């Protein structure tokens, strides 16, 4: 550039908070980019809000999938405990498994109620 301008360092770029602070852009641009639509603070905020809403919708879709997976896992676990309890002949083992199964059932009921 004529006259030469100071070299732009990454640490300097990180400190700049708005496009108006980029002196090199103001000098090099043929038009003042601060007046363009994409440079306005209001448009930045609107874009950020739009992207956050879009991301939230994607997360809701993913959570709905994961909720179904958890509910399926809960049902499978309940059936597994029932099957094992039916086959267990040792009274001590049966009581320990039954206690564990009932504890799991209480927790799972709370989970199911939370997603219902």
PDB file of N, CA and C in Angstrom:
ATOM      1  N   UNK A   1       0.826  -1.170   0.000  1.00  0.00           N
ATOM      2  CA  UNK A   1       0.000   0.000   0.000  1.00  0.00           C
ATOM      3  C   UNK A   1       0.878   1.244   0.000  1.00  0.00           C
ATOM      4  N   UNK A   2       0.359   2.251  -0.573  1.00  0.00           N
ATOM      5  CA  UNK A   2       1.117   3.487  -0.626  1.00  0.00           C
ATOM      6  C   UNK A   2       0.280   4.587  -0.003  1.00  0.00           C
ATOM      7  N   UNK A   3       0.588   5.116   1.101  1.00  0.00           N
ATOM      8  CA  UNK A   3       1.732   4.845   1.963  1.00  0.00           C
ATOM      9  C   UNK A   3       1.537   3.526   2.711  1.00  0.00           C
ATOM     10  N   UNK A   4       2.625   2.902   3.156  1.00  0.00           N
ATOM     11  CA  UNK A   4       2.532   1.619   3.849  1.00  0.00           C
ATOM     12  C   UNK A   4       1.765   1.759   5.167  1.00  0.00           C
ATOM     13  N   UNK A   5       0.952   0.737   5.445  1.00  0.00           N
ATOM     14  CA  UNK A   5       0.186   0.709   6.686  1.00  0.00           C
ATOM     15  C   UNK A   5       0.786  -0.330   7.623  1.00  0.00           C
ATOM     16  N   UNK A   6       0.527  -0.196   8.904  1.00  0.00           N
ATOM     17  CA  UNK A   6       1.086  -1.175   9.848  1.00  0.00           C
ATOM     18  C   UNK A   6       0.552  -2.578   9.567  1.00  0.00           C
ATOM     19  N   UNK A   7       1.406  -3.558   9.851  1.00  0.00           N
ATOM     20  CA  UNK A   7       1.037  -4.949   9.637  1.00  0.00           C
ATOM     21  C   UNK A   7      -0.071  -5.327  10.621  1.00  0.00           C
ATOM     22  N   UNK A   8      -1.086  -6.019  10.111  1.00  0.00           N
ATOM     23  CA  UNK A   8      -2.220  -6.439  10.925  1.00  0.00           C
ATOM     24  C   UNK A   8      -1.885  -7.766  11.596  1.00  0.00           C
ATOM     25  N   UNK A   9      -1.878  -7.788  12.917  1.00  0.00           N
ATOM     26  CA  UNK A   9      -1.566  -8.988  13.699  1.00  0.00           C
ATOM     27  C   UNK A   9      -2.856  -9.625  14.199  1.00  0.00           C
ATOM     28  N   UNK A  10      -2.812 -10.944  14.428  1.00  0.00           N
ATOM     29  CA  UNK A  10      -3.995 -11.656  14.907  1.00  0.00           C
ATOM     30  C   UNK A  10      -4.472 -11.097  16.246  1.00  0.00           C
ATOM     31  N   UNK A  11      -3.571 -10.776  17.129  1.00  0.00           N
ATOM     32  CA  UNK A  11      -3.962 -10.233  18.435  1.00  0.00           C
ATOM     33  C   UNK A  11      -4.712  -8.920  18.274  1.00  0.00           C
ATOM     34  N   UNK A  12      -4.358  -8.134  17.249  1.00  0.00           N
ATOM     35  CA  UNK A  12      -5.084  -6.889  16.979  1.00  0.00           C
ATOM     36  C   UNK A  12      -6.488  -7.187  16.472  1.00  0.00           C
ATOM     37  N   UNK A  13      -6.602  -8.179  15.601  1.00  0.00           N
ATOM     38  CA  UNK A  13      -7.911  -8.523  15.028  1.00  0.00           C
ATOM     39  C   UNK A  13      -8.871  -8.960  16.120  1.00  0.00           C
ATOM     40  N   UNK A  14      -8.382  -9.752  17.070  1.00  0.00           N
ATOM     41  CA  UNK A  14      -9.236 -10.254  18.143  1.00  0.00           C
ATOM     42  C   UNK A  14      -9.801  -9.097  18.973  1.00  0.00           C
ATOM     43  N   UNK A  15      -9.038  -8.028  19.107  1.00  0.00           N
ATOM     44  CA  UNK A  15      -9.474  -6.892  19.906  1.00  0.00           C
ATOM     45  C   UNK A  15     -10.552  -6.064  19.203  1.00  0.00           C
ATOM     46  N   UNK A  16     -10.618  -6.119  17.891  1.00  0.00           N
ATOM     47  CA  UNK A  16     -11.605  -5.316  17.171  1.00  0.00           C
ATOM     48  C   UNK A  16     -12.995  -5.888  17.397  1.00  0.00           C
ATOM     49  N   UNK A  17     -13.929  -5.044  17.756  1.00  0.00           N
ATOM     50  CA  UNK A  17     -15.266  -5.524  18.069  1.00  0.00           C
ATOM     51  C   UNK A  17     -16.279  -5.232  16.967  1.00  0.00           C
ATOM     52  N   UNK A  18     -16.041  -4.245  16.153  1.00  0.00           N
ATOM     53  CA  UNK A  18     -16.986  -3.920  15.092  1.00  0.00           C
ATOM     54  C   UNK A  18     -16.231  -3.687  13.795  1.00  0.00           C
ATOM     55  N   UNK A  19     -16.951  -3.735  12.701  1.00  0.00           N
ATOM     56  CA  UNK A  19     -16.315  -3.505  11.408  1.00  0.00           C
ATOM     57  C   UNK A  19     -15.731  -2.100  11.303  1.00  0.00           C
ATOM     58  N   UNK A  20     -16.305  -1.152  12.010  1.00  0.00           N
ATOM     59  CA  UNK A  20     -15.818   0.222  11.952  1.00  0.00           C
ATOM     60  C   UNK A  20     -14.393   0.315  12.474  1.00  0.00           C
ATOM     61  N   UNK A  21     -13.988  -0.611  13.337  1.00  0.00           N
ATOM     62  CA  UNK A  21     -12.647  -0.561  13.899  1.00  0.00           C
ATOM     63  C   UNK A  21     -11.592  -1.117  12.944  1.00  0.00           C
ATOM     64  N   UNK A  22     -12.017  -1.810  11.883  1.00  0.00           N
ATOM     65  CA  UNK A  22     -11.070  -2.343  10.919  1.00  0.00           C
ATOM     66  C   UNK A  22     -10.646  -1.217   9.976  1.00  0.00           C
ATOM     67  N   UNK A  23      -9.647  -0.499  10.382  1.00  0.00           N
ATOM     68  CA  UNK A  23      -9.184   0.640   9.597  1.00  0.00           C
ATOM     69  C   UNK A  23      -8.763   0.217   8.198  1.00  0.00           C
ATOM     70  N   UNK A  24      -8.172  -0.954   8.083  1.00  0.00           N
ATOM     71  CA  UNK A  24      -7.706  -1.418   6.774  1.00  0.00           C
ATOM     72  C   UNK A  24      -8.885  -1.631   5.825  1.00  0.00           C
ATOM     73  N   UNK A  25     -10.022  -2.098   6.339  1.00  0.00           N
ATOM     74  CA  UNK A  25     -11.191  -2.298   5.497  1.00  0.00           C
ATOM     75  C   UNK A  25     -11.786  -0.962   5.060  1.00  0.00           C
ATOM     76  N   UNK A  26     -11.762   0.007   5.962  1.00  0.00           N
ATOM     77  CA  UNK A  26     -12.292   1.318   5.615  1.00  0.00           C
ATOM     78  C   UNK A  26     -11.452   1.972   4.515  1.00  0.00           C
ATOM     79  N   UNK A  27     -10.139   1.798   4.609  1.00  0.00           N
ATOM     80  CA  UNK A  27      -9.242   2.428   3.639  1.00  0.00           C
ATOM     81  C   UNK A  27      -9.285   1.694   2.308  1.00  0.00           C
ATOM     82  N   UNK A  28      -9.269   0.361   2.358  1.00  0.00           N
ATOM     83  CA  UNK A  28      -9.159  -0.424   1.131  1.00  0.00           C
ATOM     84  C   UNK A  28     -10.482  -0.534   0.376  1.00  0.00           C
ATOM     85  N   UNK A  29     -11.587  -0.426   1.070  1.00  0.00           N
ATOM     86  CA  UNK A  29     -12.873  -0.612   0.414  1.00  0.00           C
ATOM     87  C   UNK A  29     -13.194   0.570  -0.490  1.00  0.00           C
ATOM     88  N   UNK A  30     -13.804   0.273  -1.613  1.00  0.00           N
ATOM     89  CA  UNK A  30     -14.201   1.350  -2.530  1.00  0.00           C
ATOM     90  C   UNK A  30     -15.427   2.084  -2.014  1.00  0.00           C
ATOM     91  N   UNK A  31     -16.188   1.386  -1.201  1.00  0.00           N
ATOM     92  CA  UNK A  31     -17.331   2.029  -0.574  1.00  0.00           C
ATOM     93  C   UNK A  31     -17.258   1.766   0.918  1.00  0.00           C
ATOM     94  N   UNK A  32     -17.930   2.561   1.667  1.00  0.00           N
ATOM     95  CA  UNK A  32     -17.907   2.411   3.123  1.00  0.00           C
ATOM     96  C   UNK A  32     -18.772   1.215   3.501  1.00  0.00           C
ATOM     97  N   UNK A  33     -18.121   0.120   3.877  1.00  0.00           N
ATOM     98  CA  UNK A  33     -18.849  -1.120   4.152  1.00  0.00           C
ATOM     99  C   UNK A  33     -19.705  -1.018   5.403  1.00  0.00           C
ATOM    100  N   UNK A  34     -19.471  -0.016   6.225  1.00  0.00           N
ATOM    101  CA  UNK A  34     -20.276   0.149   7.433  1.00  0.00           C
ATOM    102  C   UNK A  34     -21.728   0.453   7.103  1.00  0.00           C
ATOM    103  N   UNK A  35     -21.980   0.948   5.901  1.00  0.00           N
ATOM    104  CA  UNK A  35     -23.342   1.303   5.505  1.00  0.00           C
ATOM    105  C   UNK A  35     -24.069   0.178   4.775  1.00  0.00           C
ATOM    106  N   UNK A  36     -23.393  -0.932   4.531  1.00  0.00           N
ATOM    107  CA  UNK A  36     -24.043  -2.059   3.868  1.00  0.00           C
ATOM    108  C   UNK A  36     -24.943  -2.794   4.857  1.00  0.00           C
ATOM    109  N   UNK A  37     -25.976  -3.445   4.323  1.00  0.00           N
ATOM    110  CA  UNK A  37     -26.959  -4.113   5.188  1.00  0.00           C
ATOM    111  C   UNK A  37     -26.328  -5.164   6.092  1.00  0.00           C
ATOM    112  N   UNK A  38     -25.394  -5.950   5.553  1.00  0.00           N
ATOM    113  CA  UNK A  38     -24.818  -7.031   6.340  1.00  0.00           C
ATOM    114  C   UNK A  38     -23.918  -6.519   7.454  1.00  0.00           C
ATOM    115  N   UNK A  39     -23.555  -5.243   7.425  1.00  0.00           N
ATOM    116  CA  UNK A  39     -22.658  -4.693   8.442  1.00  0.00           C
ATOM    117  C   UNK A  39     -23.416  -4.059   9.612  1.00  0.00           C
ATOM    118  N   UNK A  40     -24.726  -3.930   9.509  1.00  0.00           N
ATOM    119  CA  UNK A  40     -25.462  -3.261  10.590  1.00  0.00           C
ATOM    120  C   UNK A  40     -25.587  -4.184  11.801  1.00  0.00           C
ATOM    121  N   UNK A  41     -25.508  -3.585  12.961  1.00  0.00           N
ATOM    122  CA  UNK A  41     -25.608  -4.338  14.213  1.00  0.00           C
ATOM    123  C   UNK A  41     -26.968  -5.017  14.328  1.00  0.00           C
ATOM    124  N   UNK A  42     -28.013  -4.331  13.915  1.00  0.00           N
ATOM    125  CA  UNK A  42     -29.367  -4.896  13.990  1.00  0.00           C
ATOM    126  C   UNK A  42     -29.473  -6.162  13.135  1.00  0.00           C
ATOM    127  N   UNK A  43     -28.890  -6.130  11.940  1.00  0.00           N
ATOM    128  CA  UNK A  43     -28.922  -7.310  11.071  1.00  0.00           C
ATOM    129  C   UNK A  43     -28.071  -8.437  11.642  1.00  0.00           C
ATOM    130  N   UNK A  44     -26.958  -8.094  12.275  1.00  0.00           N
ATOM    131  CA  UNK A  44     -26.130  -9.121  12.932  1.00  0.00           C
ATOM    132  C   UNK A  44     -26.939  -9.816  14.008  1.00  0.00           C
ATOM    133  N   UNK A  45     -27.607  -9.022  14.837  1.00  0.00           N
ATOM    134  CA  UNK A  45     -28.396  -9.584  15.930  1.00  0.00           C
ATOM    135  C   UNK A  45     -29.545 -10.439  15.397  1.00  0.00           C
ATOM    136  N   UNK A  46     -30.191  -9.982  14.332  1.00  0.00           N
ATOM    137  CA  UNK A  46     -31.282 -10.755  13.741  1.00  0.00           C
ATOM    138  C   UNK A  46     -30.771 -12.078  13.186  1.00  0.00           C
ATOM    139  N   UNK A  47     -29.611 -12.043  12.547  1.00  0.00           N
ATOM    140  CA  UNK A  47     -29.018 -13.263  11.997  1.00  0.00           C
ATOM    141  C   UNK A  47     -28.665 -14.235  13.111  1.00  0.00           C
ATOM    142  N   UNK A  48     -28.087 -13.727  14.184  1.00  0.00           N
ATOM    143  CA  UNK A  48     -27.723 -14.581  15.316  1.00  0.00           C
ATOM    144  C   UNK A  48     -28.973 -15.213  15.917  1.00  0.00           C
ATOM    145  N   UNK A  49     -30.038 -14.429  16.081  1.00  0.00           N
ATOM    146  CA  UNK A  49     -31.299 -14.968  16.605  1.00  0.00           C
ATOM    147  C   UNK A  49     -31.855 -16.050  15.679  1.00  0.00           C
ATOM    148  N   UNK A  50     -31.820 -15.787  14.376  1.00  0.00           N
ATOM    149  CA  UNK A  50     -32.313 -16.763  13.401  1.00  0.00           C
ATOM    150  C   UNK A  50     -31.528 -18.071  13.502  1.00  0.00           C
ATOM    151  N   UNK A  51     -30.210 -17.964  13.583  1.00  0.00           N
ATOM    152  CA  UNK A  51     -29.370 -19.167  13.659  1.00  0.00           C
ATOM    153  C   UNK A  51     -29.587 -19.919  14.973  1.00  0.00           C
ATOM    154  N   UNK A  52     -29.794 -19.192  16.067  1.00  0.00           N
ATOM    155  CA  UNK A  52     -30.061 -19.850  17.348  1.00  0.00           C
ATOM    156  C   UNK A  52     -31.391 -20.600  17.312  1.00  0.00           C
ATOM    157  N   UNK A  53     -32.403 -19.982  16.702  1.00  0.00           N
ATOM    158  CA  UNK A  53     -33.707 -20.642  16.588  1.00  0.00           C
ATOM    159  C   UNK A  53     -33.587 -21.886  15.715  1.00  0.00           C
ATOM    160  N   UNK A  54     -32.854 -21.757  14.613  1.00  0.00           N
ATOM    161  CA  UNK A  54     -32.653 -22.902  13.709  1.00  0.00           C
ATOM    162  C   UNK A  54     -31.946 -24.039  14.447  1.00  0.00           C
ATOM    163  N   UNK A  55     -30.911 -23.709  15.222  1.00  0.00           N
ATOM    164  CA  UNK A  55     -30.176 -24.723  15.985  1.00  0.00           C
ATOM    165  C   UNK A  55     -31.073 -25.347  17.042  1.00  0.00           C
ATOM    166  N   UNK A  56     -31.904 -24.542  17.696  1.00  0.00           N
ATOM    167  CA  UNK A  56     -32.807 -25.063  18.720  1.00  0.00           C
ATOM    168  C   UNK A  56     -33.794 -26.058  18.109  1.00  0.00           C
ATOM    169  N   UNK A  57     -34.298 -25.753  16.915  1.00  0.00           N
ATOM    170  CA  UNK A  57     -35.224 -26.679  16.250  1.00  0.00           C
ATOM    171  C   UNK A  57     -34.528 -27.999  15.925  1.00  0.00           C
ATOM    172  N   UNK A  58     -33.274 -27.922  15.482  1.00  0.00           N
ATOM    173  CA  UNK A  58     -32.518 -29.142  15.197  1.00  0.00           C
ATOM    174  C   UNK A  58     -32.293 -29.947  16.472  1.00  0.00           C
ATOM    175  N   UNK A  59     -32.011 -29.250  17.576  1.00  0.00           N
ATOM    176  CA  UNK A  59     -31.797 -29.944  18.846  1.00  0.00           C
ATOM    177  C   UNK A  59     -33.080 -30.608  19.337  1.00  0.00           C
ATOM    178  N   UNK A  60     -34.215 -29.955  19.129  1.00  0.00           N
ATOM    179  CA  UNK A  60     -35.500 -30.544  19.531  1.00  0.00           C
ATOM    180  C   UNK A  60     -35.741 -31.843  18.763  1.00  0.00           C
ATOM    181  N   UNK A  61     -35.456 -31.834  17.469  1.00  0.00           N
ATOM    182  CA  UNK A  61     -35.608 -33.044  16.655  1.00  0.00           C
ATOM    183  C   UNK A  61     -34.723 -34.165  17.197  1.00  0.00           C
ATOM    184  N   UNK A  62     -33.461 -33.830  17.498  1.00  0.00           N
ATOM    185  CA  UNK A  62     -32.527 -34.832  18.017  1.00  0.00           C
ATOM    186  C   UNK A  62     -32.965 -35.334  19.387  1.00  0.00           C
ATOM    187  N   UNK A  63     -33.440 -34.433  20.242  1.00  0.00           N
ATOM    188  CA  UNK A  63     -33.897 -34.855  21.574  1.00  0.00           C
ATOM    189  C   UNK A  63     -35.106 -35.764  21.484  1.00  0.00           C
ATOM    190  N   UNK A  64     -36.003 -35.507  20.543  1.00  0.00           N
ATOM    191  CA  UNK A  64     -37.161 -36.387  20.365  1.00  0.00           C
ATOM    192  C   UNK A  64     -36.728 -37.798  19.973  1.00  0.00           C
ATOM    193  N   UNK A  65     -35.681 -37.890  19.170  1.00  0.00           N
ATOM    194  CA  UNK A  65     -35.130 -39.207  18.810  1.00  0.00           C
ATOM    195  C   UNK A  65     -34.536 -39.876  20.048  1.00  0.00           C
ATOM    196  N   UNK A  66     -33.758 -39.114  20.809  1.00  0.00           N
ATOM    197  CA  UNK A  66     -33.104 -39.678  21.985  1.00  0.00           C
ATOM    198  C   UNK A  66     -34.116 -40.080  23.059  1.00  0.00           C
ATOM    199  N   UNK A  67     -35.202 -39.323  23.195  1.00  0.00           N
ATOM    200  CA  UNK A  67     -36.237 -39.678  24.164  1.00  0.00           C
ATOM    201  C   UNK A  67     -36.836 -41.036  23.821  1.00  0.00           C
ATOM    202  N   UNK A  68     -37.118 -41.260  22.541  1.00  0.00           N
ATOM    203  CA  UNK A  68     -37.665 -42.554  22.120  1.00  0.00           C
ATOM    204  C   UNK A  68     -36.679 -43.679  22.404  1.00  0.00           C
ATOM    205  N   UNK A  69     -35.397 -43.409  22.196  1.00  0.00           N
ATOM    206  CA  UNK A  69     -34.374 -44.422  22.463  1.00  0.00           C
ATOM    207  C   UNK A  69     -34.326 -44.755  23.953  1.00  0.00           C
ATOM    208  N   UNK A  70     -34.413 -43.741  24.797  1.00  0.00           N
ATOM    209  CA  UNK A  70     -34.376 -43.972  26.245  1.00  0.00           C
ATOM    210  C   UNK A  70     -35.610 -44.753  26.692  1.00  0.00           C
ATOM    211  N   UNK A  71     -36.777 -44.384  26.172  1.00  0.00           N
ATOM    212  CA  UNK A  71     -37.996 -45.105  26.549  1.00  0.00           C
ATOM    213  C   UNK A  71     -37.934 -46.564  26.107  1.00  0.00           C
ATOM    214  N   UNK A  72     -37.381 -46.803  24.932  1.00  0.00           N
ATOM    215  CA  UNK A  72     -37.204 -48.187  24.463  1.00  0.00           C
ATOM    216  C   UNK A  72     -36.245 -48.937  25.380  1.00  0.00           C
ATOM    217  N   UNK A  73     -35.157 -48.287  25.747  1.00  0.00           N
ATOM    218  CA  UNK A  73     -34.171 -48.900  26.653  1.00  0.00           C
ATOM    219  C   UNK A  73     -34.815 -49.235  27.996  1.00  0.00           C
ATOM    220  N   UNK A  74     -35.652 -48.319  28.510  1.00  0.00           N
ATOM    221  CA  UNK A  74     -36.342 -48.563  29.784  1.00  0.00           C
ATOM    222  C   UNK A  74     -37.237 -49.798  29.677  1.00  0.00           C
ATOM    223  N   UNK A  75     -38.010 -49.879  28.604  1.00  0.00           N
ATOM    224  CA  UNK A  75     -38.899 -51.040  28.423  1.00  0.00           C
ATOM    225  C   UNK A  75     -38.101 -52.333  28.288  1.00  0.00           C
ATOM    226  N   UNK A  76     -37.019 -52.288  27.524  1.00  0.00           N
ATOM    227  CA  UNK A  76     -36.178 -53.480  27.359  1.00  0.00           C
ATOM    228  C   UNK A  76     -35.571 -53.912  28.697  1.00  0.00           C
ATOM    229  N   UNK A  77     -35.130 -52.937  29.479  1.00  0.00           N
ATOM    230  CA  UNK A  77     -34.529 -53.248  30.775  1.00  0.00           C
ATOM    231  C   UNK A  77     -35.560 -53.870  31.714  1.00  0.00           C
ATOM    232  N   UNK A  78     -36.775 -53.337  31.707  1.00  0.00           N
ATOM    233  CA  UNK A  78     -37.851 -53.868  32.551  1.00  0.00           C
ATOM    234  C   UNK A  78     -38.151 -55.320  32.183  1.00  0.00           C
ATOM    235  N   UNK A  79     -38.248 -55.588  30.888  1.00  0.00           N
ATOM    236  CA  UNK A  79     -38.502 -56.960  30.426  1.00  0.00           C
ATOM    237  C   UNK A  79     -37.350 -57.893  30.803  1.00  0.00           C
ATOM    238  N   UNK A  80     -36.129 -57.387  30.699  1.00  0.00           N
ATOM    239  CA  UNK A  80     -34.962 -58.192  31.053  1.00  0.00           C
ATOM    240  C   UNK A  80     -34.982 -58.558  32.532  1.00  0.00           C
ATOM    241  N   UNK A  81     -35.259 -57.569  33.392  1.00  0.00           N
ATOM    242  CA  UNK A  81     -35.335 -57.859  34.826  1.00  0.00           C
ATOM    243  C   UNK A  81     -36.427 -58.885  35.106  1.00  0.00           C
ATOM    244  N   UNK A  82     -37.584 -58.719  34.468  1.00  0.00           N
ATOM    245  CA  UNK A  82     -38.686 -59.671  34.686  1.00  0.00           C
ATOM    246  C   UNK A  82     -38.283 -61.082  34.272  1.00  0.00           C
ATOM    247  N   UNK A  83     -37.635 -61.184  33.139  1.00  0.00           N
ATOM    248  CA  UNK A  83     -37.206 -62.483  32.624  1.00  0.00           C
ATOM    249  C   UNK A  83     -36.189 -63.136  33.563  1.00  0.00           C
ATOM    250  N   UNK A  84     -35.253 -62.351  34.032  1.00  0.00           N
ATOM    251  CA  UNK A  84     -34.215 -62.895  34.924  1.00  0.00           C
ATOM    252  C   UNK A  84     -34.824 -63.294  36.262  1.00  0.00           C
ATOM    253  N   UNK A  85     -35.752 -62.468  36.765  1.00  0.00           N
ATOM    254  CA  UNK A  85     -36.386 -62.802  38.047  1.00  0.00           C
ATOM    255  C   UNK A  85     -37.178 -64.096  37.952  1.00  0.00           C
ATOM    256  N   UNK A  86     -37.832 -64.331  36.817  1.00  0.00           N
ATOM    257  CA  UNK A  86     -38.593 -65.566  36.630  1.00  0.00           C
ATOM    258  C   UNK A  86     -37.697 -66.800  36.671  1.00  0.00           C
ATOM    259  N   UNK A  87     -36.465 -66.649  36.195  1.00  0.00           N
ATOM    260  CA  UNK A  87     -35.550 -67.791  36.095  1.00  0.00           C
ATOM    261  C   UNK A  87     -34.688 -67.983  37.338  1.00  0.00           C
ATOM    262  N   UNK A  88     -34.673 -66.989  38.244  1.00  0.00           N
ATOM    263  CA  UNK A  88     -33.795 -67.058  39.415  1.00  0.00           C
ATOM    264  C   UNK A  88     -34.419 -67.947  40.489  1.00  0.00           C
ATOM    265  N   UNK A  89     -33.614 -68.910  40.943  1.00  0.00           N
ATOM    266  CA  UNK A  89     -34.087 -69.843  41.975  1.00  0.00           C
ATOM    267  C   UNK A  89     -33.483 -69.550  43.345  1.00  0.00           C
ATOM    268  N   UNK A  90     -32.358 -68.898  43.381  1.00  0.00           N
ATOM    269  CA  UNK A  90     -31.704 -68.574  44.655  1.00  0.00           C
ATOM    270  C   UNK A  90     -32.449 -67.407  45.312  1.00  0.00           C
ATOM    271  N   UNK A  91     -32.987 -67.627  46.533  1.00  0.00           N
ATOM    272  CA  UNK A  91     -33.782 -66.578  47.190  1.00  0.00           C
ATOM    273  C   UNK A  91     -32.991 -65.296  47.475  1.00  0.00           C
ATOM    274  N   UNK A  92     -31.728 -65.422  47.874  1.00  0.00           N
ATOM    275  CA  UNK A  92     -30.920 -64.229  48.160  1.00  0.00           C
ATOM    276  C   UNK A  92     -30.679 -63.410  46.882  1.00  0.00           C
ATOM    277  N   UNK A  93     -30.335 -64.113  45.822  1.00  0.00           N
ATOM    278  CA  UNK A  93     -30.111 -63.443  44.539  1.00  0.00           C
ATOM    279  C   UNK A  93     -31.407 -62.837  44.028  1.00  0.00           C
ATOM    280  N   UNK A  94     -32.507 -63.572  44.208  1.00  0.00           N
ATOM    281  CA  UNK A  94     -33.821 -63.078  43.763  1.00  0.00           C
ATOM    282  C   UNK A  94     -34.179 -61.768  44.477  1.00  0.00           C
ATOM    283  N   UNK A  95     -33.995 -61.748  45.795  1.00  0.00           N
ATOM    284  CA  UNK A  95     -34.318 -60.544  46.568  1.00  0.00           C
ATOM    285  C   UNK A  95     -33.435 -59.356  46.170  1.00  0.00           C
ATOM    286  N   UNK A  96     -32.156 -59.626  45.951  1.00  0.00           N
ATOM    287  CA  UNK A  96     -31.247 -58.554  45.540  1.00  0.00           C
ATOM    288  C   UNK A  96     -31.646 -58.007  44.171  1.00  0.00           C
ATOM    289  N   UNK A  97     -31.952 -58.912  43.236  1.00  0.00           N
ATOM    290  CA  UNK A  97     -32.372 -58.480  41.896  1.00  0.00           C
ATOM    291  C   UNK A  97     -33.719 -57.755  41.939  1.00  0.00           C
ATOM    292  N   UNK A  98     -34.620 -58.246  42.778  1.00  0.00           N
ATOM    293  CA  UNK A  98     -35.933 -57.612  42.895  1.00  0.00           C
ATOM    294  C   UNK A  98     -35.797 -56.191  43.455  1.00  0.00           C
ATOM    295  N   UNK A  99     -34.950 -56.049  44.459  1.00  0.00           N
ATOM    296  CA  UNK A  99     -34.708 -54.723  45.040  1.00  0.00           C
ATOM    297  C   UNK A  99     -34.144 -53.767  43.975  1.00  0.00           C
ATOM    298  N   UNK A 100     -33.197 -54.274  43.223  1.00  0.00           N
ATOM    299  CA  UNK A 100     -32.598 -53.450  42.149  1.00  0.00           C
ATOM    300  C   UNK A 100     -33.636 -53.125  41.080  1.00  0.00           C
ATOM    301  N   UNK A 101     -34.449 -54.095  40.716  1.00  0.00           N
ATOM    302  CA  UNK A 101     -35.471 -53.882  39.691  1.00  0.00           C
ATOM    303  C   UNK A 101     -36.491 -52.843  40.144  1.00  0.00           C
ATOM    304  N   UNK A 102     -36.890 -52.910  41.408  1.00  0.00           N
ATOM    305  CA  UNK A 102     -37.858 -51.941  41.926  1.00  0.00           C
ATOM    306  C   UNK A 102     -37.269 -50.528  41.981  1.00  0.00           C
ATOM    307  N   UNK A 103     -36.004 -50.456  42.357  1.00  0.00           N
ATOM    308  CA  UNK A 103     -35.321 -49.154  42.374  1.00  0.00           C
ATOM    309  C   UNK A 103     -35.269 -48.563  40.959  1.00  0.00           C
ATOM    310  N   UNK A 104     -34.899 -49.386  39.989  1.00  0.00           N
ATOM    311  CA  UNK A 104     -34.852 -48.947  38.589  1.00  0.00           C
ATOM    312  C   UNK A 104     -36.239 -48.526  38.112  1.00  0.00           C
ATOM    313  N   UNK A 105     -37.253 -49.281  38.523  1.00  0.00           N
ATOM    314  CA  UNK A 105     -38.618 -48.975  38.102  1.00  0.00           C
ATOM    315  C   UNK A 105     -39.059 -47.611  38.626  1.00  0.00           C
ATOM    316  N   UNK A 106     -38.702 -47.293  39.883  1.00  0.00           N
ATOM    317  CA  UNK A 106     -39.052 -45.979  40.454  1.00  0.00           C
ATOM    318  C   UNK A 106     -38.391 -44.854  39.652  1.00  0.00           C
ATOM    319  N   UNK A 107     -37.117 -45.012  39.353  1.00  0.00           N
ATOM    320  CA  UNK A 107     -36.396 -43.998  38.581  1.00  0.00           C
ATOM    321  C   UNK A 107     -36.971 -43.891  37.175  1.00  0.00           C
ATOM    322  N   UNK A 108     -37.216 -45.021  36.549  1.00  0.00           N
ATOM    323  CA  UNK A 108     -37.749 -45.020  35.186  1.00  0.00           C
ATOM    324  C   UNK A 108     -39.151 -44.407  35.120  1.00  0.00           C
ATOM    325  N   UNK A 109     -39.964 -44.633  36.147  1.00  0.00           N
ATOM    326  CA  UNK A 109     -41.293 -44.023  36.179  1.00  0.00           C
ATOM    327  C   UNK A 109     -41.205 -42.499  36.230  1.00  0.00           C
ATOM    328  N   UNK A 110     -40.232 -42.005  36.991  1.00  0.00           N
ATOM    329  CA  UNK A 110     -40.025 -40.547  37.055  1.00  0.00           C
ATOM    330  C   UNK A 110     -39.572 -40.012  35.692  1.00  0.00           C
ATOM    331  N   UNK A 111     -38.682 -40.747  35.033  1.00  0.00           N
ATOM    332  CA  UNK A 111     -38.221 -40.334  33.696  1.00  0.00           C
ATOM    333  C   UNK A 111     -39.374 -40.327  32.700  1.00  0.00           C
ATOM    334  N   UNK A 112     -40.179 -41.385  32.720  1.00  0.00           N
ATOM    335  CA  UNK A 112     -41.301 -41.472  31.806  1.00  0.00           C
ATOM    336  C   UNK A 112     -42.305 -40.360  32.060  1.00  0.00           C
ATOM    337  N   UNK A 113     -42.536 -40.033  33.332  1.00  0.00           N
ATOM    338  CA  UNK A 113     -43.473 -38.957  33.665  1.00  0.00           C
ATOM    339  C   UNK A 113     -42.934 -37.600  33.207  1.00  0.00           C
ATOM    340  N   UNK A 114     -41.611 -37.435  33.251  1.00  0.00           N
ATOM    341  CA  UNK A 114     -41.008 -36.165  32.842  1.00  0.00           C
ATOM    342  C   UNK A 114     -41.134 -35.926  31.340  1.00  0.00           C
ATOM    343  N   UNK A 115     -41.110 -36.980  30.553  1.00  0.00           N
ATOM    344  CA  UNK A 115     -41.178 -36.801  29.097  1.00  0.00           C
ATOM    345  C   UNK A 115     -42.602 -36.896  28.563  1.00  0.00           C
ATOM    346  N   UNK A 116     -43.528 -37.283  29.408  1.00  0.00           N
ATOM    347  CA  UNK A 116     -44.919 -37.415  28.964  1.00  0.00           C
ATOM    348  C   UNK A 116     -45.601 -36.068  28.876  1.00  0.00           C
TER     349      UNK A 116
END
